Amino acid sequence: MKKSKGVIIGIIIFLAVVTFPFLYNRGKAAPVPELVLTETAKAAQQCVRSKDYMQREHMKILDLWRHTVVRSGERVYVNPQGKEFNMSLSNTCLDCHSNKAEFCDRCHDYASVRPYCWDCHIDNPKESK
């Protein structure tokens, strides 16, 4: 009987320790970061695709672009509206979104994502010229 009381107390302590972080942080999620657009992006008023699509799927587009450029040698992307874009993270995307710290890093930090794009691509290609 003495052992069963100890086991029950141990289980209660274990459950308290395991659930404490969840209960303590309940309802305290960090707000979604506000993105800061550059003047170029504001003037363009249109990205490669719609804002909602780009927020959800930009990584798929960048992966498709990488695959298409490297494997097929094609460099032109045509969006559903028929507009053509050069498939280049450094020149197409960073032309409008050159403020990496206020644009890319805010969402990636919020989502705890560490993309490997910056292993090869520089943050601001215009500065290197």
C-alpha atoms as a PDB file:
ATOM      1  CA  MET A   1       0.000   0.000   0.000  1.00  0.00           C
ATOM      2  CA  LYS A   2       2.842   2.375   0.821  1.00  0.00           C
ATOM      3  CA  LYS A   3       4.387   1.797  -2.601  1.00  0.00           C
ATOM      4  CA  SER A   4       1.156   2.549  -4.472  1.00  0.00           C
ATOM      5  CA  LYS A   5       0.871   5.950  -2.764  1.00  0.00           C
ATOM      6  CA  GLY A   6       4.432   6.742  -3.831  1.00  0.00           C
ATOM      7  CA  VAL A   7       3.700   5.691  -7.409  1.00  0.00           C
ATOM      8  CA  ILE A   8       0.558   7.840  -7.536  1.00  0.00           C
ATOM      9  CA  ILE A   9       2.415  10.855  -6.089  1.00  0.00           C
ATOM     10  CA  GLY A  10       5.216  10.255  -8.606  1.00  0.00           C
ATOM     11  CA  ILE A  11       2.761  10.160 -11.499  1.00  0.00           C
ATOM     12  CA  ILE A  12       1.099  13.385 -10.318  1.00  0.00           C
ATOM     13  CA  ILE A  13       4.475  15.140 -10.008  1.00  0.00           C
ATOM     14  CA  PHE A  14       5.502  13.837 -13.442  1.00  0.00           C
ATOM     15  CA  LEU A  15       2.275  15.087 -15.046  1.00  0.00           C
ATOM     16  CA  ALA A  16       2.648  18.472 -13.321  1.00  0.00           C
ATOM     17  CA  VAL A  17       6.205  18.876 -14.616  1.00  0.00           C
ATOM     18  CA  VAL A  18       5.317  17.756 -18.144  1.00  0.00           C
ATOM     19  CA  THR A  19       2.205  19.923 -18.496  1.00  0.00           C
ATOM     20  CA  PHE A  20       3.577  23.028 -16.747  1.00  0.00           C
ATOM     21  CA  PRO A  21       5.121  24.665 -19.877  1.00  0.00           C
ATOM     22  CA  PHE A  22       1.894  24.196 -21.828  1.00  0.00           C
ATOM     23  CA  LEU A  23      -0.313  25.573 -19.079  1.00  0.00           C
ATOM     24  CA  TYR A  24       2.073  28.438 -18.266  1.00  0.00           C
ATOM     25  CA  ASN A  25       2.271  29.657 -21.886  1.00  0.00           C
ATOM     26  CA  ARG A  26      -1.377  29.102 -22.764  1.00  0.00           C
ATOM     27  CA  GLY A  27      -2.754  32.107 -24.621  1.00  0.00           C
ATOM     28  CA  LYS A  28       0.621  33.847 -24.834  1.00  0.00           C
ATOM     29  CA  ALA A  29       1.555  33.087 -28.420  1.00  0.00           C
ATOM     30  CA  ALA A  30       3.733  35.672 -30.093  1.00  0.00           C
ATOM     31  CA  PRO A  31       1.893  37.891 -32.570  1.00  0.00           C
ATOM     32  CA  VAL A  32       2.538  37.367 -36.267  1.00  0.00           C
ATOM     33  CA  PRO A  33       5.216  39.873 -37.280  1.00  0.00           C
ATOM     34  CA  GLU A  34       4.361  42.869 -39.422  1.00  0.00           C
ATOM     35  CA  LEU A  35       6.463  42.927 -42.570  1.00  0.00           C
ATOM     36  CA  VAL A  36       8.145  46.116 -43.730  1.00  0.00           C
ATOM     37  CA  LEU A  37       8.014  46.575 -47.494  1.00  0.00           C
ATOM     38  CA  THR A  38      10.602  48.639 -49.331  1.00  0.00           C
ATOM     39  CA  GLU A  39       9.540  51.582 -51.456  1.00  0.00           C
ATOM     40  CA  THR A  40      10.278  49.488 -54.574  1.00  0.00           C
ATOM     41  CA  ALA A  41       7.880  46.767 -53.409  1.00  0.00           C
ATOM     42  CA  LYS A  42       5.185  49.328 -52.583  1.00  0.00           C
ATOM     43  CA  ALA A  43       5.578  50.916 -56.015  1.00  0.00           C
ATOM     44  CA  ALA A  44       5.402  47.563 -57.810  1.00  0.00           C
ATOM     45  CA  GLN A  45       2.122  46.675 -56.024  1.00  0.00           C
ATOM     46  CA  GLN A  46       2.387  43.118 -57.383  1.00  0.00           C
ATOM     47  CA  CYS A  47       4.685  40.244 -56.546  1.00  0.00           C
ATOM     48  CA  VAL A  48       5.363  37.174 -58.652  1.00  0.00           C
ATOM     49  CA  ARG A  49       2.079  35.783 -57.308  1.00  0.00           C
ATOM     50  CA  SER A  50      -0.602  37.066 -54.919  1.00  0.00           C
ATOM     51  CA  LYS A  51       0.367  38.107 -51.383  1.00  0.00           C
ATOM     52  CA  ASP A  52      -1.521  35.223 -49.761  1.00  0.00           C
ATOM     53  CA  TYR A  53       0.004  32.694 -52.133  1.00  0.00           C
ATOM     54  CA  MET A  54       3.522  34.018 -51.559  1.00  0.00           C
ATOM     55  CA  GLN A  55       3.127  33.903 -47.779  1.00  0.00           C
ATOM     56  CA  ARG A  56       2.135  30.243 -47.952  1.00  0.00           C
ATOM     57  CA  GLU A  57       4.086  28.933 -50.929  1.00  0.00           C
ATOM     58  CA  HIS A  58       7.168  31.112 -51.563  1.00  0.00           C
ATOM     59  CA  MET A  59       9.498  28.299 -50.565  1.00  0.00           C
ATOM     60  CA  LYS A  60       7.944  26.023 -53.181  1.00  0.00           C
ATOM     61  CA  ILE A  61       8.359  28.665 -55.878  1.00  0.00           C
ATOM     62  CA  LEU A  62      11.989  29.228 -54.905  1.00  0.00           C
ATOM     63  CA  ASP A  63      12.623  25.484 -54.948  1.00  0.00           C
ATOM     64  CA  LEU A  64      10.943  25.190 -58.363  1.00  0.00           C
ATOM     65  CA  TRP A  65      13.021  28.103 -59.651  1.00  0.00           C
ATOM     66  CA  ARG A  66      16.247  26.556 -58.366  1.00  0.00           C
ATOM     67  CA  HIS A  67      15.422  23.228 -59.950  1.00  0.00           C
ATOM     68  CA  THR A  68      14.351  24.781 -63.268  1.00  0.00           C
ATOM     69  CA  VAL A  69      17.383  27.071 -63.580  1.00  0.00           C
ATOM     70  CA  VAL A  70      19.988  24.533 -62.507  1.00  0.00           C
ATOM     71  CA  ARG A  71      18.586  21.426 -64.193  1.00  0.00           C
ATOM     72  CA  SER A  72      16.867  22.852 -67.275  1.00  0.00           C
ATOM     73  CA  GLY A  73      18.685  26.146 -67.800  1.00  0.00           C
ATOM     74  CA  GLU A  74      15.411  28.036 -68.117  1.00  0.00           C
ATOM     75  CA  ARG A  75      15.453  31.480 -66.501  1.00  0.00           C
ATOM     76  CA  VAL A  76      11.992  32.907 -67.210  1.00  0.00           C
ATOM     77  CA  TYR A  77       8.972  32.289 -64.968  1.00  0.00           C
ATOM     78  CA  VAL A  78       5.509  33.105 -66.291  1.00  0.00           C
ATOM     79  CA  ASN A  79       2.889  33.661 -63.587  1.00  0.00           C
ATOM     80  CA  PRO A  80      -0.815  32.790 -64.075  1.00  0.00           C
ATOM     81  CA  GLN A  81      -1.514  36.329 -65.316  1.00  0.00           C
ATOM     82  CA  GLY A  82       1.053  35.849 -68.101  1.00  0.00           C
ATOM     83  CA  LYS A  83       3.669  38.248 -66.696  1.00  0.00           C
ATOM     84  CA  GLU A  84       7.286  37.123 -67.060  1.00  0.00           C
ATOM     85  CA  PHE A  85       9.875  37.245 -64.276  1.00  0.00           C
ATOM     86  CA  ASN A  86      13.559  36.377 -64.181  1.00  0.00           C
ATOM     87  CA  MET A  87      13.995  33.342 -61.897  1.00  0.00           C
ATOM     88  CA  SER A  88      16.514  34.854 -59.503  1.00  0.00           C
ATOM     89  CA  LEU A  89      16.342  35.156 -55.736  1.00  0.00           C
ATOM     90  CA  SER A  90      19.163  37.687 -55.701  1.00  0.00           C
ATOM     91  CA  ASN A  91      17.830  39.926 -58.458  1.00  0.00           C
ATOM     92  CA  THR A  92      14.069  39.396 -58.754  1.00  0.00           C
ATOM     93  CA  CYS A  93      13.020  38.805 -55.140  1.00  0.00           C
ATOM     94  CA  LEU A  94      15.665  40.919 -53.420  1.00  0.00           C
ATOM     95  CA  ASP A  95      15.090  43.752 -55.873  1.00  0.00           C
ATOM     96  CA  CYS A  96      11.829  44.550 -54.055  1.00  0.00           C
ATOM     97  CA  HIS A  97      12.526  42.835 -50.725  1.00  0.00           C
ATOM     98  CA  SER A  98      16.071  44.071 -50.116  1.00  0.00           C
ATOM     99  CA  ASN A  99      15.411  44.664 -46.417  1.00  0.00           C
ATOM    100  CA  LYS A 100      16.169  41.089 -45.356  1.00  0.00           C
ATOM    101  CA  ALA A 101      16.130  41.859 -41.613  1.00  0.00           C
ATOM    102  CA  GLU A 102      12.667  43.464 -41.704  1.00  0.00           C
ATOM    103  CA  PHE A 103      11.148  41.182 -44.326  1.00  0.00           C
ATOM    104  CA  CYS A 104      12.636  37.688 -44.531  1.00  0.00           C
ATOM    105  CA  ASP A 105      14.158  37.316 -41.077  1.00  0.00           C
ATOM    106  CA  ARG A 106      11.061  38.408 -39.144  1.00  0.00           C
ATOM    107  CA  CYS A 107       8.866  35.608 -40.484  1.00  0.00           C
ATOM    108  CA  HIS A 108      11.631  33.010 -40.548  1.00  0.00           C
ATOM    109  CA  ASP A 109      12.476  33.758 -36.907  1.00  0.00           C
ATOM    110  CA  TYR A 110       8.779  33.662 -35.945  1.00  0.00           C
ATOM    111  CA  ALA A 111       8.376  30.266 -37.630  1.00  0.00           C
ATOM    112  CA  SER A 112      11.771  29.014 -36.335  1.00  0.00           C
ATOM    113  CA  VAL A 113      12.895  28.295 -39.889  1.00  0.00           C
ATOM    114  CA  ARG A 114      16.530  28.468 -40.951  1.00  0.00           C
ATOM    115  CA  PRO A 115      16.562  28.541 -44.769  1.00  0.00           C
ATOM    116  CA  TYR A 116      19.798  27.703 -46.507  1.00  0.00           C
ATOM    117  CA  CYS A 117      19.241  30.309 -49.242  1.00  0.00           C
ATOM    118  CA  TRP A 118      21.790  32.645 -47.700  1.00  0.00           C
ATOM    119  CA  ASP A 119      24.518  30.015 -47.871  1.00  0.00           C
ATOM    120  CA  CYS A 120      24.941  30.877 -51.561  1.00  0.00           C
ATOM    121  CA  HIS A 121      22.968  34.092 -52.104  1.00  0.00           C
ATOM    122  CA  ILE A 122      24.112  37.378 -50.657  1.00  0.00           C
ATOM    123  CA  ASP A 123      21.639  39.518 -48.734  1.00  0.00           C
ATOM    124  CA  ASN A 124      21.783  42.546 -51.032  1.00  0.00           C
ATOM    125  CA  PRO A 125      23.249  41.870 -54.492  1.00  0.00           C
ATOM    126  CA  LYS A 126      22.997  45.539 -55.482  1.00  0.00           C
ATOM    127  CA  GLU A 127      25.619  46.499 -52.867  1.00  0.00           C
ATOM    128  CA  SER A 128      28.208  44.097 -54.284  1.00  0.00           C
ATOM    129  CA  LYS A 129      28.374  45.851 -57.673  1.00  0.00           C
END
